[in-house]
C-alpha atoms as a PDB file:
ATOM      1  CA  MET A   1     -45.804 -62.996  34.256  1.00  0.00           C
ATOM      2  CA  THR A   2     -45.345 -60.368  36.925  1.00  0.00           C
ATOM      3  CA  THR A   3     -43.288 -57.223  36.277  1.00  0.00           C
ATOM      4  CA  MET A   4     -41.583 -55.451  39.096  1.00  0.00           C
ATOM      5  CA  GLN A   5     -41.623 -51.726  39.131  1.00  0.00           C
ATOM      6  CA  ASN A   6     -38.698 -49.805  40.417  1.00  0.00           C
ATOM      7  CA  ALA A   7     -40.675 -47.808  42.931  1.00  0.00           C
ATOM      8  CA  GLU A   8     -40.050 -46.805  46.493  1.00  0.00           C
ATOM      9  CA  PRO A   9     -42.544 -47.648  49.167  1.00  0.00           C
ATOM     10  CA  GLU A  10     -44.839 -44.734  50.069  1.00  0.00           C
ATOM     11  CA  THR A  11     -43.314 -44.197  53.524  1.00  0.00           C
ATOM     12  CA  ILE A  12     -39.790 -43.710  52.183  1.00  0.00           C
ATOM     13  CA  ARG A  13     -40.976 -41.272  49.506  1.00  0.00           C
ATOM     14  CA  THR A  14     -42.901 -39.301  52.133  1.00  0.00           C
ATOM     15  CA  VAL A  15     -39.789 -38.872  54.303  1.00  0.00           C
ATOM     16  CA  LYS A  16     -37.365 -38.124  51.448  1.00  0.00           C
ATOM     17  CA  GLU A  17     -39.427 -35.349  49.823  1.00  0.00           C
ATOM     18  CA  PRO A  18     -39.364 -32.906  52.799  1.00  0.00           C
ATOM     19  CA  LEU A  19     -35.641 -33.560  53.273  1.00  0.00           C
ATOM     20  CA  ARG A  20     -34.968 -32.791  49.607  1.00  0.00           C
ATOM     21  CA  ARG A  21     -37.010 -29.569  49.887  1.00  0.00           C
ATOM     22  CA  ALA A  22     -35.166 -28.572  53.053  1.00  0.00           C
ATOM     23  CA  GLY A  23     -31.832 -29.044  51.272  1.00  0.00           C
ATOM     24  CA  ILE A  24     -32.990 -26.868  48.365  1.00  0.00           C
ATOM     25  CA  TYR A  25     -34.267 -24.151  50.699  1.00  0.00           C
ATOM     26  CA  THR A  26     -31.039 -24.200  52.703  1.00  0.00           C
ATOM     27  CA  ALA A  27     -28.909 -23.877  49.556  1.00  0.00           C
ATOM     28  CA  ALA A  28     -31.131 -21.113  48.172  1.00  0.00           C
ATOM     29  CA  GLY A  29     -30.988 -19.262  51.496  1.00  0.00           C
ATOM     30  CA  ALA A  30     -27.202 -19.459  51.541  1.00  0.00           C
ATOM     31  CA  ILE A  31     -26.987 -18.092  47.996  1.00  0.00           C
ATOM     32  CA  ILE A  32     -29.346 -15.218  48.782  1.00  0.00           C
ATOM     33  CA  ALA A  33     -27.455 -14.365  51.986  1.00  0.00           C
ATOM     34  CA  GLY A  34     -24.162 -14.402  50.075  1.00  0.00           C
ATOM     35  CA  LEU A  35     -25.522 -12.103  47.370  1.00  0.00           C
ATOM     36  CA  ALA A  36     -26.964  -9.734  49.961  1.00  0.00           C
ATOM     37  CA  THR A  37     -23.544  -9.474  51.606  1.00  0.00           C
ATOM     38  CA  LEU A  38     -21.788  -8.807  48.304  1.00  0.00           C
ATOM     39  CA  LEU A  39     -24.326  -6.240  47.146  1.00  0.00           C
ATOM     40  CA  GLN A  40     -24.414  -4.256  50.390  1.00  0.00           C
ATOM     41  CA  PRO A  41     -23.122  -0.716  49.945  1.00  0.00           C
ATOM     42  CA  LYS A  42     -19.770  -0.231  51.611  1.00  0.00           C
ATOM     43  CA  GLU A  43     -19.709   2.115  54.536  1.00  0.00           C
ATOM     44  CA  ALA A  44     -17.864   5.306  53.714  1.00  0.00           C
ATOM     45  CA  LYS A  45     -14.775   5.997  55.727  1.00  0.00           C
ATOM     46  CA  ALA A  46     -15.622   8.603  58.346  1.00  0.00           C
ATOM     47  CA  ASP A  47     -13.646  11.819  57.992  1.00  0.00           C
ATOM     48  CA  PRO A  48     -12.313  12.657  61.472  1.00  0.00           C
ATOM     49  CA  LEU A  49     -12.549  16.425  60.859  1.00  0.00           C
ATOM     50  CA  GLY A  50     -15.976  16.281  59.231  1.00  0.00           C
ATOM     51  CA  SER A  51     -14.962  17.552  55.801  1.00  0.00           C
ATOM     52  CA  PRO A  52     -17.553  17.176  53.043  1.00  0.00           C
ATOM     53  CA  CYS A  53     -15.303  15.159  50.690  1.00  0.00           C
ATOM     54  CA  CYS A  54     -11.614  15.083  51.696  1.00  0.00           C
ATOM     55  CA  ALA A  55     -11.232  11.667  53.446  1.00  0.00           C
ATOM     56  CA  LEU A  56      -8.595  13.035  55.798  1.00  0.00           C
ATOM     57  CA  ALA A  57      -6.227  10.818  57.780  1.00  0.00           C
ATOM     58  CA  THR A  58      -6.110  12.516  61.188  1.00  0.00           C
ATOM     59  CA  SER A  59      -8.331  14.328  63.654  1.00  0.00           C
ATOM     60  CA  ARG A  60      -5.655  16.926  64.501  1.00  0.00           C
ATOM     61  CA  TRP A  61      -6.062  20.275  62.724  1.00  0.00           C
ATOM     62  CA  CYS A  62      -2.941  21.556  60.991  1.00  0.00           C
ATOM     63  CA  PRO A  63      -1.707  24.840  62.461  1.00  0.00           C
ATOM     64  CA  TYR A  64      -2.573  28.102  60.694  1.00  0.00           C
ATOM     65  CA  PRO A  65      -1.665  31.620  61.802  1.00  0.00           C
ATOM     66  CA  VAL A  66      -4.731  33.623  60.703  1.00  0.00           C
ATOM     67  CA  ASP A  67      -6.990  31.541  58.475  1.00  0.00           C
ATOM     68  CA  ARG A  68      -6.997  27.957  57.206  1.00  0.00           C
ATOM     69  CA  PRO A  69      -5.613  28.659  53.706  1.00  0.00           C
ATOM     70  CA  ARG A  70      -2.357  29.715  55.402  1.00  0.00           C
ATOM     71  CA  TRP A  71      -1.810  26.372  57.118  1.00  0.00           C
ATOM     72  CA  TYR A  72       1.693  24.998  57.552  1.00  0.00           C
ATOM     73  CA  CYS A  73       3.492  21.834  58.635  1.00  0.00           C
ATOM     74  CA  PRO A  74       5.950  21.385  61.486  1.00  0.00           C
ATOM     75  CA  SER A  75       9.570  20.576  60.766  1.00  0.00           C
ATOM     76  CA  GLY A  76      10.059  17.097  59.277  1.00  0.00           C
ATOM     77  CA  TYR A  77       6.646  17.011  57.551  1.00  0.00           C
ATOM     78  CA  ASN A  78       5.652  17.872  53.986  1.00  0.00           C
ATOM     79  CA  ARG A  79       2.605  19.886  53.017  1.00  0.00           C
ATOM     80  CA  THR A  80       0.458  17.799  50.650  1.00  0.00           C
ATOM     81  CA  TYR A  81      -2.894  18.975  49.316  1.00  0.00           C
ATOM     82  CA  TRP A  82      -5.667  18.316  46.818  1.00  0.00           C
ATOM     83  CA  THR A  83      -9.196  19.484  46.013  1.00  0.00           C
ATOM     84  CA  CYS A  84     -12.583  17.815  45.844  1.00  0.00           C
ATOM     85  CA  LYS A  85     -16.167  18.918  45.184  1.00  0.00           C
ATOM     86  CA  ASP A  86     -18.814  18.875  47.904  1.00  0.00           C
ATOM     87  CA  GLY A  87     -22.437  17.885  47.282  1.00  0.00           C
ATOM     88  CA  SER A  88     -23.320  21.356  45.989  1.00  0.00           C
ATOM     89  CA  GLY A  89     -20.372  21.480  43.587  1.00  0.00           C
ATOM     90  CA  ARG A  90     -18.227  23.871  45.629  1.00  0.00           C
ATOM     91  CA  THR A  91     -14.479  23.275  45.628  1.00  0.00           C
ATOM     92  CA  VAL A  92     -13.101  22.054  48.949  1.00  0.00           C
ATOM     93  CA  TYR A  93      -9.385  22.360  49.645  1.00  0.00           C
ATOM     94  CA  CYS A  94      -7.901  19.416  51.554  1.00  0.00           C
ATOM     95  CA  GLY A  95      -4.449  19.065  53.063  1.00  0.00           C
ATOM     96  CA  GLU A  96      -2.243  17.001  55.327  1.00  0.00           C
ATOM     97  CA  CYS A  97       1.227  17.109  56.789  1.00  0.00           C
ATOM     98  CA  THR A  98       2.998  13.829  56.125  1.00  0.00           C
ATOM     99  CA  THR A  99       6.539  12.454  56.115  1.00  0.00           C
ATOM    100  CA  SER A 100       5.968  11.355  52.507  1.00  0.00           C
ATOM    101  CA  SER A 101       5.772  13.501  49.389  1.00  0.00           C
ATOM    102  CA  SER A 102       2.379  11.905  48.635  1.00  0.00           C
ATOM    103  CA  CYS A 103      -1.015  12.390  50.286  1.00  0.00           C
ATOM    104  CA  TRP A 104      -1.475   8.597  50.369  1.00  0.00           C
ATOM    105  CA  SER A 105       1.447   7.412  52.487  1.00  0.00           C
ATOM    106  CA  GLY A 106       3.818   8.266  55.301  1.00  0.00           C
ATOM    107  CA  SER A 107       3.196   9.223  58.896  1.00  0.00           C
ATOM    108  CA  TYR A 108       0.562  11.929  59.207  1.00  0.00           C
ATOM    109  CA  TYR A 109       0.887  14.778  61.669  1.00  0.00           C
ATOM    110  CA  CYS A 110      -2.276  16.754  60.938  1.00  0.00           C
ATOM    111  CA  SER A 111      -5.073  17.386  58.420  1.00  0.00           C
ATOM    112  CA  ILE A 112      -7.048  20.409  57.270  1.00  0.00           C
ATOM    113  CA  TRP A 113      -9.883  21.397  54.945  1.00  0.00           C
ATOM    114  CA  TYR A 114     -11.517  24.663  53.916  1.00  0.00           C
ATOM    115  CA  TYR A 115     -13.583  26.333  51.172  1.00  0.00           C
END
């Protein structure tokens, strides 16, 4: 009695194996590329006035009569301000003139920062 084995001929197995490996490598490459994209550090928003930590909205300096701490807003805009710490721990004063009562919304007229 002859038993038949469920085996593929050698030529088919030889062709299928590289294709299977290529599929695995392609899937692995896609996963690695996806993870690399997700894990990339996000680029910090550039501050148009070059402040050390304010993240200001405009590149126009707010007007000030003598020195920056005396800055003011034109009619129709509100003076909004906050502080942050630079890399050495010094307090930086940040401000903007906006049509809103919040630093985070409205139309911005100008920005300012100072120590």
